[in-house]
Amino acid sequence: MSSAPPRNTAHLTFRDAREEDVPALVALVQSAYRGEESRLGWSSEADLVGGIRIDADGVRSIIGAPGSRLVVVADGGETICCFQLERRGEWAYFGLFAVRPGLQGAGVGRHVIGAAEEMARAEWAAREVRMTVIAQRVELIAWYERCGYRRTGRLSPFPYGDERVGTPLRDDLVFEELVKALG
């Protein structure tokens, strides 16, 4: 994990993504997940999957989807983080979580995930939040467990052959579901 200095999160702003955010969000997500820039943070998946993480059309589809929100987190007008929430009955799906690599390990992610959980509870009366994580991302899963998530043991296949999610660098990738009950 990176040893970035703790960051003051009191002044972070949250808003729904708009069309004009698409290029910045594609770049943010790519920098947090893939390529050399992602290695500046501690949660890169560059050794597992190469290529793109999401393209502009993928971001637009989340922005325009009913029951879904793509939230931009900014500090002083600068986009530093994003996440997706999707309403799925009594629970909410949490995904596309990206923190600028240089800020990983500084408390931003923990603050933002707490805010996302509160949004799901307050706005949708969600009883739990679920997500899927590549099971081989052991450090990231351990971090989510420290944030109160638990592994369900439910696995789903990685979408091999779907270039919209990148190029797998291993042949054993699977997603594991994590869940957290909301009070």
N, C-alpha and C. Protein backbone atom coordinates (compact mmCIF):
# COMPACT_ATOMS: atom_id res chain seq x y z
N MET A 1 0.84 -1.17 0.00
CA MET A 1 0.00 0.00 0.00
C MET A 1 0.88 1.24 0.00
N SER A 2 0.45 2.25 -0.69
CA SER A 2 1.21 3.50 -0.79
C SER A 2 1.26 4.20 0.55
N SER A 3 2.28 5.03 0.72
CA SER A 3 2.39 5.77 1.98
C SER A 3 2.08 7.25 1.74
N ALA A 4 1.06 7.52 0.93
CA ALA A 4 0.65 8.90 0.67
C ALA A 4 0.22 9.54 1.99
N PRO A 5 0.52 10.83 2.15
CA PRO A 5 0.11 11.48 3.40
C PRO A 5 -1.41 11.54 3.49
N PRO A 6 -1.95 11.50 4.71
CA PRO A 6 -3.40 11.59 4.86
C PRO A 6 -3.92 12.87 4.20
N ARG A 7 -5.04 12.75 3.56
CA ARG A 7 -5.62 13.88 2.83
C ARG A 7 -6.87 14.35 3.57
N ASN A 8 -7.04 15.64 3.65
CA ASN A 8 -8.25 16.21 4.24
C ASN A 8 -9.40 15.95 3.28
N THR A 9 -10.38 15.18 3.70
CA THR A 9 -11.50 14.83 2.83
C THR A 9 -12.74 15.68 3.11
N ALA A 10 -12.66 16.63 4.03
CA ALA A 10 -13.82 17.43 4.41
C ALA A 10 -14.34 18.29 3.26
N HIS A 11 -13.48 18.67 2.33
CA HIS A 11 -13.89 19.58 1.27
C HIS A 11 -14.20 18.88 -0.05
N LEU A 12 -14.26 17.57 -0.05
CA LEU A 12 -14.59 16.85 -1.28
C LEU A 12 -16.05 17.12 -1.65
N THR A 13 -16.29 17.26 -2.94
CA THR A 13 -17.65 17.44 -3.43
C THR A 13 -18.05 16.24 -4.27
N PHE A 14 -19.34 15.93 -4.24
CA PHE A 14 -19.89 14.78 -4.96
C PHE A 14 -21.00 15.29 -5.88
N ARG A 15 -20.98 14.85 -7.13
CA ARG A 15 -22.06 15.21 -8.06
C ARG A 15 -22.18 14.13 -9.12
N ASP A 16 -23.34 14.09 -9.75
CA ASP A 16 -23.54 13.13 -10.82
C ASP A 16 -22.72 13.54 -12.04
N ALA A 17 -22.18 12.56 -12.72
CA ALA A 17 -21.38 12.79 -13.92
C ALA A 17 -22.27 13.33 -15.04
N ARG A 18 -21.65 14.14 -15.89
CA ARG A 18 -22.32 14.71 -17.06
C ARG A 18 -21.51 14.36 -18.31
N GLU A 19 -22.10 14.59 -19.44
CA GLU A 19 -21.44 14.30 -20.72
C GLU A 19 -20.04 14.92 -20.80
N GLU A 20 -19.89 16.14 -20.33
CA GLU A 20 -18.59 16.80 -20.44
C GLU A 20 -17.52 16.16 -19.55
N ASP A 21 -17.93 15.29 -18.61
CA ASP A 21 -16.99 14.59 -17.73
C ASP A 21 -16.41 13.34 -18.37
N VAL A 22 -17.00 12.88 -19.47
CA VAL A 22 -16.64 11.57 -20.02
C VAL A 22 -15.14 11.43 -20.28
N PRO A 23 -14.48 12.34 -21.00
CA PRO A 23 -13.04 12.13 -21.25
C PRO A 23 -12.21 12.06 -19.97
N ALA A 24 -12.50 12.92 -19.01
CA ALA A 24 -11.75 12.92 -17.75
C ALA A 24 -11.99 11.63 -16.97
N LEU A 25 -13.22 11.11 -17.01
CA LEU A 25 -13.52 9.88 -16.28
C LEU A 25 -12.85 8.66 -16.92
N VAL A 26 -12.84 8.61 -18.25
CA VAL A 26 -12.14 7.51 -18.93
C VAL A 26 -10.67 7.54 -18.52
N ALA A 27 -10.06 8.72 -18.54
CA ALA A 27 -8.64 8.85 -18.18
C ALA A 27 -8.40 8.48 -16.71
N LEU A 28 -9.28 8.92 -15.81
CA LEU A 28 -9.14 8.61 -14.39
C LEU A 28 -9.21 7.10 -14.16
N VAL A 29 -10.23 6.47 -14.71
CA VAL A 29 -10.40 5.03 -14.51
C VAL A 29 -9.21 4.27 -15.08
N GLN A 30 -8.78 4.65 -16.27
CA GLN A 30 -7.63 3.98 -16.88
C GLN A 30 -6.39 4.13 -16.00
N SER A 31 -6.18 5.34 -15.48
CA SER A 31 -4.98 5.58 -14.67
C SER A 31 -5.01 4.82 -13.35
N ALA A 32 -6.19 4.56 -12.82
CA ALA A 32 -6.30 3.85 -11.55
C ALA A 32 -6.18 2.33 -11.70
N TYR A 33 -6.56 1.81 -12.87
CA TYR A 33 -6.61 0.36 -13.05
C TYR A 33 -5.48 -0.22 -13.90
N ARG A 34 -5.13 0.45 -14.98
CA ARG A 34 -4.27 -0.16 -15.99
C ARG A 34 -3.10 0.73 -16.36
N GLY A 35 -2.10 0.12 -16.95
CA GLY A 35 -0.96 0.85 -17.48
C GLY A 35 0.02 1.28 -16.40
N GLU A 36 1.07 1.93 -16.85
CA GLU A 36 2.16 2.32 -15.93
C GLU A 36 1.71 3.32 -14.87
N GLU A 37 0.84 4.26 -15.23
CA GLU A 37 0.40 5.25 -14.24
C GLU A 37 -0.31 4.57 -13.06
N SER A 38 -1.02 3.49 -13.33
CA SER A 38 -1.73 2.79 -12.26
C SER A 38 -0.78 2.23 -11.21
N ARG A 39 0.46 1.99 -11.60
CA ARG A 39 1.44 1.43 -10.66
C ARG A 39 1.89 2.46 -9.62
N LEU A 40 1.54 3.74 -9.80
CA LEU A 40 1.83 4.76 -8.79
C LEU A 40 0.98 4.54 -7.54
N GLY A 41 -0.18 3.92 -7.70
CA GLY A 41 -1.05 3.59 -6.57
C GLY A 41 -0.77 2.17 -6.11
N TRP A 42 -1.56 1.70 -5.17
CA TRP A 42 -1.34 0.36 -4.65
C TRP A 42 -2.35 -0.64 -5.19
N SER A 43 -3.38 -0.19 -5.93
CA SER A 43 -4.45 -1.11 -6.32
C SER A 43 -4.50 -1.40 -7.81
N SER A 44 -3.40 -1.28 -8.50
CA SER A 44 -3.35 -1.54 -9.94
C SER A 44 -3.69 -3.00 -10.25
N GLU A 45 -4.34 -3.19 -11.39
CA GLU A 45 -4.55 -4.55 -11.88
C GLU A 45 -3.76 -4.77 -13.17
N ALA A 46 -2.75 -3.93 -13.39
CA ALA A 46 -1.97 -3.96 -14.63
C ALA A 46 -1.26 -5.29 -14.86
N ASP A 47 -0.99 -6.05 -13.81
CA ASP A 47 -0.34 -7.35 -13.99
C ASP A 47 -1.35 -8.46 -14.30
N LEU A 48 -2.64 -8.13 -14.22
CA LEU A 48 -3.69 -9.12 -14.48
C LEU A 48 -4.40 -8.89 -15.80
N VAL A 49 -4.63 -7.62 -16.12
CA VAL A 49 -5.39 -7.26 -17.32
C VAL A 49 -4.73 -6.05 -17.96
N GLY A 50 -4.54 -6.11 -19.28
CA GLY A 50 -3.98 -4.98 -20.00
C GLY A 50 -5.05 -4.29 -20.82
N GLY A 51 -4.64 -3.25 -21.52
CA GLY A 51 -5.58 -2.56 -22.41
C GLY A 51 -6.50 -1.62 -21.65
N ILE A 52 -7.62 -1.33 -22.26
CA ILE A 52 -8.55 -0.35 -21.68
C ILE A 52 -9.38 -0.97 -20.57
N ARG A 53 -9.78 -0.15 -19.62
CA ARG A 53 -10.69 -0.59 -18.55
C ARG A 53 -12.13 -0.24 -18.93
N ILE A 54 -12.32 0.95 -19.50
CA ILE A 54 -13.64 1.37 -19.98
C ILE A 54 -13.41 2.46 -21.03
N ASP A 55 -14.29 2.50 -22.02
CA ASP A 55 -14.17 3.54 -23.04
C ASP A 55 -15.27 4.58 -22.84
N ALA A 56 -15.27 5.59 -23.70
CA ALA A 56 -16.23 6.69 -23.57
C ALA A 56 -17.67 6.18 -23.67
N ASP A 57 -17.94 5.26 -24.58
CA ASP A 57 -19.31 4.73 -24.70
C ASP A 57 -19.73 3.99 -23.44
N GLY A 58 -18.79 3.28 -22.82
CA GLY A 58 -19.10 2.60 -21.56
C GLY A 58 -19.46 3.57 -20.45
N VAL A 59 -18.72 4.66 -20.36
CA VAL A 59 -19.04 5.69 -19.35
C VAL A 59 -20.40 6.30 -19.65
N ARG A 60 -20.64 6.64 -20.91
CA ARG A 60 -21.95 7.23 -21.28
C ARG A 60 -23.10 6.29 -20.95
N SER A 61 -22.90 4.99 -21.14
CA SER A 61 -23.99 4.05 -20.87
C SER A 61 -24.34 4.02 -19.39
N ILE A 62 -23.36 4.22 -18.52
CA ILE A 62 -23.62 4.26 -17.09
C ILE A 62 -24.33 5.56 -16.73
N ILE A 63 -23.87 6.67 -17.31
CA ILE A 63 -24.49 7.97 -17.03
C ILE A 63 -25.97 7.95 -17.41
N GLY A 64 -26.30 7.31 -18.54
CA GLY A 64 -27.67 7.33 -19.02
C GLY A 64 -28.55 6.20 -18.56
N ALA A 65 -28.04 5.27 -17.78
CA ALA A 65 -28.82 4.09 -17.39
C ALA A 65 -29.80 4.42 -16.27
N PRO A 66 -31.05 3.97 -16.42
CA PRO A 66 -32.02 4.17 -15.34
C PRO A 66 -31.59 3.42 -14.08
N GLY A 67 -31.79 4.04 -12.92
CA GLY A 67 -31.45 3.40 -11.66
C GLY A 67 -29.96 3.33 -11.40
N SER A 68 -29.18 4.09 -12.15
CA SER A 68 -27.73 4.07 -12.00
C SER A 68 -27.22 5.49 -11.86
N ARG A 69 -26.18 5.65 -11.08
CA ARG A 69 -25.51 6.94 -10.93
C ARG A 69 -24.02 6.73 -11.09
N LEU A 70 -23.40 7.61 -11.84
CA LEU A 70 -21.95 7.67 -11.90
C LEU A 70 -21.59 8.97 -11.21
N VAL A 71 -20.89 8.87 -10.09
CA VAL A 71 -20.64 10.02 -9.24
C VAL A 71 -19.18 10.47 -9.40
N VAL A 72 -19.02 11.77 -9.59
CA VAL A 72 -17.72 12.40 -9.69
C VAL A 72 -17.38 12.99 -8.33
N VAL A 73 -16.19 12.71 -7.84
CA VAL A 73 -15.72 13.27 -6.58
C VAL A 73 -14.59 14.23 -6.92
N ALA A 74 -14.74 15.48 -6.44
CA ALA A 74 -13.75 16.50 -6.77
C ALA A 74 -13.21 17.15 -5.50
N ASP A 75 -12.01 17.66 -5.64
CA ASP A 75 -11.37 18.44 -4.59
C ASP A 75 -10.97 19.76 -5.22
N GLY A 76 -11.65 20.83 -4.83
CA GLY A 76 -11.36 22.14 -5.41
C GLY A 76 -11.61 22.19 -6.91
N GLY A 77 -12.60 21.47 -7.39
CA GLY A 77 -12.91 21.46 -8.81
C GLY A 77 -12.12 20.44 -9.61
N GLU A 78 -11.15 19.78 -9.00
CA GLU A 78 -10.33 18.78 -9.68
C GLU A 78 -10.90 17.38 -9.42
N THR A 79 -11.22 16.65 -10.48
CA THR A 79 -11.75 15.29 -10.34
C THR A 79 -10.66 14.37 -9.82
N ILE A 80 -10.93 13.75 -8.67
CA ILE A 80 -9.92 12.86 -8.07
C ILE A 80 -10.43 11.43 -7.89
N CYS A 81 -11.74 11.23 -8.07
CA CYS A 81 -12.31 9.91 -7.80
C CYS A 81 -13.65 9.80 -8.51
N CYS A 82 -14.10 8.57 -8.74
CA CYS A 82 -15.45 8.34 -9.24
C CYS A 82 -15.92 6.97 -8.77
N PHE A 83 -17.23 6.78 -8.82
CA PHE A 83 -17.81 5.47 -8.53
C PHE A 83 -19.19 5.39 -9.15
N GLN A 84 -19.64 4.17 -9.33
CA GLN A 84 -20.98 3.89 -9.83
C GLN A 84 -21.81 3.27 -8.73
N LEU A 85 -23.05 3.69 -8.63
CA LEU A 85 -24.04 3.02 -7.80
C LEU A 85 -25.20 2.64 -8.71
N GLU A 86 -25.69 1.42 -8.55
CA GLU A 86 -26.82 0.97 -9.35
C GLU A 86 -27.84 0.32 -8.42
N ARG A 87 -29.06 0.78 -8.51
CA ARG A 87 -30.13 0.23 -7.67
C ARG A 87 -30.57 -1.11 -8.23
N ARG A 88 -30.57 -2.12 -7.36
CA ARG A 88 -30.98 -3.47 -7.75
C ARG A 88 -31.90 -4.03 -6.68
N GLY A 89 -33.11 -3.51 -6.64
CA GLY A 89 -34.08 -3.96 -5.64
C GLY A 89 -33.69 -3.46 -4.26
N GLU A 90 -33.53 -4.38 -3.32
CA GLU A 90 -33.21 -4.01 -1.94
C GLU A 90 -31.72 -3.81 -1.70
N TRP A 91 -30.93 -3.93 -2.73
CA TRP A 91 -29.49 -3.73 -2.58
C TRP A 91 -28.98 -2.84 -3.69
N ALA A 92 -27.75 -2.34 -3.51
CA ALA A 92 -27.12 -1.48 -4.51
C ALA A 92 -25.80 -2.11 -4.94
N TYR A 93 -25.53 -2.00 -6.23
CA TYR A 93 -24.25 -2.44 -6.77
C TYR A 93 -23.30 -1.26 -6.75
N PHE A 94 -22.06 -1.49 -6.30
CA PHE A 94 -21.01 -0.48 -6.26
C PHE A 94 -19.92 -0.89 -7.22
N GLY A 95 -19.57 -0.01 -8.14
CA GLY A 95 -18.54 -0.37 -9.10
C GLY A 95 -17.85 0.84 -9.70
N LEU A 96 -17.00 0.59 -10.66
CA LEU A 96 -16.20 1.60 -11.36
C LEU A 96 -15.58 2.59 -10.37
N PHE A 97 -15.07 2.05 -9.29
CA PHE A 97 -14.46 2.86 -8.23
C PHE A 97 -13.02 3.14 -8.61
N ALA A 98 -12.71 4.42 -8.77
CA ALA A 98 -11.35 4.80 -9.16
C ALA A 98 -10.91 6.00 -8.34
N VAL A 99 -9.74 5.89 -7.74
CA VAL A 99 -9.11 6.99 -7.02
C VAL A 99 -7.80 7.29 -7.74
N ARG A 100 -7.53 8.56 -8.00
CA ARG A 100 -6.28 8.95 -8.64
C ARG A 100 -5.13 8.24 -7.95
N PRO A 101 -4.25 7.58 -8.71
CA PRO A 101 -3.19 6.76 -8.11
C PRO A 101 -2.35 7.46 -7.05
N GLY A 102 -1.99 8.70 -7.24
CA GLY A 102 -1.17 9.41 -6.27
C GLY A 102 -1.87 9.69 -4.95
N LEU A 103 -3.19 9.52 -4.93
CA LEU A 103 -3.96 9.75 -3.70
C LEU A 103 -4.35 8.45 -3.00
N GLN A 104 -4.07 7.32 -3.63
CA GLN A 104 -4.40 6.04 -2.99
C GLN A 104 -3.56 5.88 -1.74
N GLY A 105 -4.18 5.41 -0.69
CA GLY A 105 -3.49 5.24 0.58
C GLY A 105 -3.55 6.47 1.47
N ALA A 106 -4.27 7.51 1.02
CA ALA A 106 -4.35 8.76 1.79
C ALA A 106 -5.70 8.96 2.47
N GLY A 107 -6.57 7.94 2.45
CA GLY A 107 -7.86 8.03 3.12
C GLY A 107 -9.01 8.47 2.23
N VAL A 108 -8.72 8.85 0.99
CA VAL A 108 -9.77 9.29 0.08
C VAL A 108 -10.75 8.15 -0.21
N GLY A 109 -10.21 6.99 -0.57
CA GLY A 109 -11.06 5.86 -0.92
C GLY A 109 -11.99 5.44 0.20
N ARG A 110 -11.47 5.36 1.41
CA ARG A 110 -12.29 4.95 2.55
C ARG A 110 -13.41 5.97 2.79
N HIS A 111 -13.08 7.25 2.68
CA HIS A 111 -14.09 8.30 2.86
C HIS A 111 -15.17 8.19 1.78
N VAL A 112 -14.74 8.03 0.54
CA VAL A 112 -15.68 7.99 -0.58
C VAL A 112 -16.57 6.75 -0.52
N ILE A 113 -16.01 5.60 -0.20
CA ILE A 113 -16.86 4.41 -0.14
C ILE A 113 -17.91 4.54 0.97
N GLY A 114 -17.55 5.17 2.07
CA GLY A 114 -18.53 5.43 3.13
C GLY A 114 -19.64 6.34 2.66
N ALA A 115 -19.29 7.37 1.89
CA ALA A 115 -20.29 8.28 1.35
C ALA A 115 -21.20 7.56 0.35
N ALA A 116 -20.62 6.68 -0.47
CA ALA A 116 -21.41 5.92 -1.44
C ALA A 116 -22.40 5.01 -0.73
N GLU A 117 -21.96 4.36 0.33
CA GLU A 117 -22.87 3.48 1.10
C GLU A 117 -24.01 4.30 1.70
N GLU A 118 -23.70 5.48 2.20
CA GLU A 118 -24.74 6.34 2.77
C GLU A 118 -25.73 6.79 1.70
N MET A 119 -25.24 7.11 0.51
CA MET A 119 -26.14 7.48 -0.60
C MET A 119 -27.10 6.33 -0.91
N ALA A 120 -26.57 5.12 -1.01
CA ALA A 120 -27.40 3.96 -1.33
C ALA A 120 -28.46 3.73 -0.26
N ARG A 121 -28.08 3.89 0.99
CA ARG A 121 -29.02 3.70 2.09
C ARG A 121 -30.06 4.81 2.13
N ALA A 122 -29.62 6.05 2.07
CA ALA A 122 -30.53 7.19 2.22
C ALA A 122 -31.44 7.39 1.00
N GLU A 123 -30.90 7.23 -0.20
CA GLU A 123 -31.67 7.53 -1.41
C GLU A 123 -32.51 6.36 -1.90
N TRP A 124 -32.04 5.14 -1.68
CA TRP A 124 -32.73 3.97 -2.23
C TRP A 124 -33.18 2.99 -1.16
N ALA A 125 -32.94 3.31 0.10
CA ALA A 125 -33.25 2.39 1.20
C ALA A 125 -32.59 1.02 0.99
N ALA A 126 -31.41 1.04 0.40
CA ALA A 126 -30.66 -0.20 0.16
C ALA A 126 -30.29 -0.83 1.50
N ARG A 127 -30.47 -2.13 1.59
CA ARG A 127 -30.14 -2.85 2.81
C ARG A 127 -28.71 -3.38 2.81
N GLU A 128 -28.14 -3.44 1.60
CA GLU A 128 -26.75 -3.87 1.49
C GLU A 128 -26.15 -3.35 0.19
N VAL A 129 -24.82 -3.34 0.16
CA VAL A 129 -24.07 -2.98 -1.03
C VAL A 129 -23.28 -4.21 -1.46
N ARG A 130 -23.30 -4.47 -2.75
CA ARG A 130 -22.54 -5.59 -3.31
C ARG A 130 -21.61 -5.08 -4.40
N MET A 131 -20.56 -5.79 -4.61
CA MET A 131 -19.61 -5.48 -5.67
C MET A 131 -18.97 -6.76 -6.13
N THR A 132 -18.30 -6.69 -7.27
CA THR A 132 -17.48 -7.81 -7.71
C THR A 132 -16.06 -7.30 -7.93
N VAL A 133 -15.11 -8.13 -7.55
CA VAL A 133 -13.69 -7.80 -7.64
C VAL A 133 -12.99 -9.01 -8.23
N ILE A 134 -12.00 -8.76 -9.08
CA ILE A 134 -11.22 -9.88 -9.60
C ILE A 134 -10.62 -10.60 -8.39
N ALA A 135 -10.91 -11.88 -8.26
CA ALA A 135 -10.53 -12.65 -7.06
C ALA A 135 -9.02 -12.67 -6.83
N GLN A 136 -8.24 -12.51 -7.86
CA GLN A 136 -6.78 -12.53 -7.72
C GLN A 136 -6.24 -11.20 -7.16
N ARG A 137 -7.08 -10.21 -6.97
CA ARG A 137 -6.65 -8.92 -6.40
C ARG A 137 -6.73 -9.00 -4.87
N VAL A 138 -5.87 -9.79 -4.30
CA VAL A 138 -5.91 -10.13 -2.88
C VAL A 138 -5.78 -8.90 -1.98
N GLU A 139 -4.86 -7.99 -2.31
CA GLU A 139 -4.69 -6.77 -1.48
C GLU A 139 -5.94 -5.91 -1.48
N LEU A 140 -6.57 -5.79 -2.65
CA LEU A 140 -7.77 -4.97 -2.75
C LEU A 140 -8.92 -5.60 -1.97
N ILE A 141 -9.08 -6.90 -2.08
CA ILE A 141 -10.14 -7.58 -1.33
C ILE A 141 -9.90 -7.42 0.17
N ALA A 142 -8.65 -7.53 0.60
CA ALA A 142 -8.34 -7.34 2.02
C ALA A 142 -8.71 -5.92 2.47
N TRP A 143 -8.48 -4.92 1.61
CA TRP A 143 -8.85 -3.55 1.94
C TRP A 143 -10.36 -3.42 2.10
N TYR A 144 -11.11 -4.01 1.16
CA TYR A 144 -12.57 -3.98 1.27
C TYR A 144 -13.04 -4.70 2.55
N GLU A 145 -12.39 -5.78 2.91
CA GLU A 145 -12.74 -6.46 4.16
C GLU A 145 -12.50 -5.54 5.36
N ARG A 146 -11.44 -4.77 5.34
CA ARG A 146 -11.20 -3.81 6.43
C ARG A 146 -12.26 -2.70 6.45
N CYS A 147 -12.91 -2.49 5.30
CA CYS A 147 -14.01 -1.50 5.21
C CYS A 147 -15.36 -2.13 5.57
N GLY A 148 -15.37 -3.38 6.00
CA GLY A 148 -16.61 -4.02 6.44
C GLY A 148 -17.27 -4.95 5.45
N TYR A 149 -16.66 -5.16 4.29
CA TYR A 149 -17.23 -6.08 3.30
C TYR A 149 -16.80 -7.51 3.63
N ARG A 150 -17.63 -8.45 3.21
CA ARG A 150 -17.27 -9.85 3.41
C ARG A 150 -17.36 -10.59 2.08
N ARG A 151 -16.52 -11.57 1.96
CA ARG A 151 -16.51 -12.39 0.76
C ARG A 151 -17.70 -13.34 0.82
N THR A 152 -18.43 -13.46 -0.28
CA THR A 152 -19.58 -14.37 -0.30
C THR A 152 -19.20 -15.75 -0.82
N GLY A 153 -18.07 -15.85 -1.52
CA GLY A 153 -17.71 -17.11 -2.15
C GLY A 153 -18.37 -17.30 -3.50
N ARG A 154 -19.28 -16.39 -3.87
CA ARG A 154 -19.93 -16.47 -5.18
C ARG A 154 -18.98 -15.92 -6.24
N LEU A 155 -18.69 -16.76 -7.22
CA LEU A 155 -17.77 -16.40 -8.29
C LEU A 155 -18.52 -16.27 -9.60
N SER A 156 -18.03 -15.40 -10.48
CA SER A 156 -18.57 -15.29 -11.82
C SER A 156 -17.40 -15.20 -12.79
N PRO A 157 -17.61 -15.63 -14.02
CA PRO A 157 -16.49 -15.69 -14.96
C PRO A 157 -16.02 -14.31 -15.41
N PHE A 158 -14.74 -14.20 -15.70
CA PHE A 158 -14.19 -13.00 -16.31
C PHE A 158 -14.62 -13.03 -17.78
N PRO A 159 -14.97 -11.88 -18.36
CA PRO A 159 -15.46 -11.88 -19.75
C PRO A 159 -14.33 -11.97 -20.77
N TYR A 160 -13.70 -13.14 -20.83
CA TYR A 160 -12.64 -13.36 -21.81
C TYR A 160 -13.19 -13.11 -23.21
N GLY A 161 -12.39 -12.45 -24.03
CA GLY A 161 -12.80 -12.18 -25.41
C GLY A 161 -13.57 -10.89 -25.59
N ASP A 162 -13.93 -10.20 -24.50
CA ASP A 162 -14.65 -8.94 -24.60
C ASP A 162 -13.63 -7.80 -24.49
N GLU A 163 -13.24 -7.26 -25.63
CA GLU A 163 -12.20 -6.23 -25.66
C GLU A 163 -12.61 -4.95 -24.93
N ARG A 164 -13.91 -4.78 -24.65
CA ARG A 164 -14.37 -3.57 -23.94
C ARG A 164 -13.87 -3.54 -22.50
N VAL A 165 -13.41 -4.67 -21.97
CA VAL A 165 -12.91 -4.71 -20.58
C VAL A 165 -11.43 -5.02 -20.51
N GLY A 166 -10.75 -5.02 -21.64
CA GLY A 166 -9.31 -5.22 -21.64
C GLY A 166 -8.89 -6.60 -22.08
N THR A 167 -7.59 -6.81 -21.99
CA THR A 167 -6.98 -8.06 -22.43
C THR A 167 -6.42 -8.78 -21.21
N PRO A 168 -7.01 -9.92 -20.84
CA PRO A 168 -6.50 -10.66 -19.68
C PRO A 168 -5.08 -11.15 -19.92
N LEU A 169 -4.26 -11.06 -18.89
CA LEU A 169 -2.87 -11.51 -18.97
C LEU A 169 -2.69 -12.87 -18.30
N ARG A 170 -3.78 -13.42 -17.79
CA ARG A 170 -3.78 -14.75 -17.15
C ARG A 170 -5.04 -15.47 -17.61
N ASP A 171 -5.02 -16.78 -17.51
CA ASP A 171 -6.19 -17.55 -17.95
C ASP A 171 -7.04 -18.06 -16.80
N ASP A 172 -6.80 -17.57 -15.59
CA ASP A 172 -7.53 -18.06 -14.42
C ASP A 172 -8.35 -16.97 -13.71
N LEU A 173 -8.62 -15.84 -14.38
CA LEU A 173 -9.31 -14.74 -13.72
C LEU A 173 -10.79 -15.04 -13.52
N VAL A 174 -11.29 -14.69 -12.35
CA VAL A 174 -12.71 -14.77 -12.02
C VAL A 174 -13.05 -13.58 -11.13
N PHE A 175 -14.33 -13.24 -11.08
CA PHE A 175 -14.80 -12.21 -10.18
C PHE A 175 -15.36 -12.87 -8.92
N GLU A 176 -15.15 -12.23 -7.78
CA GLU A 176 -15.76 -12.68 -6.53
C GLU A 176 -16.66 -11.57 -6.02
N GLU A 177 -17.83 -11.97 -5.53
CA GLU A 177 -18.77 -10.99 -4.98
C GLU A 177 -18.42 -10.70 -3.52
N LEU A 178 -18.47 -9.42 -3.17
CA LEU A 178 -18.31 -8.95 -1.80
C LEU A 178 -19.60 -8.24 -1.41
N VAL A 179 -19.95 -8.28 -0.13
CA VAL A 179 -21.20 -7.67 0.31
C VAL A 179 -21.00 -7.02 1.68
N LYS A 180 -21.75 -5.94 1.89
CA LYS A 180 -21.75 -5.27 3.19
C LYS A 180 -23.19 -4.90 3.53
N ALA A 181 -23.63 -5.30 4.70
CA ALA A 181 -24.96 -4.91 5.18
C ALA A 181 -24.90 -3.46 5.62
N LEU A 182 -25.96 -2.72 5.32
CA LEU A 182 -26.04 -1.32 5.72
C LEU A 182 -26.99 -1.20 6.91
N GLY A 183 -26.60 -0.40 7.90
CA GLY A 183 -27.41 -0.24 9.10
C GLY A 183 -28.57 0.69 8.92
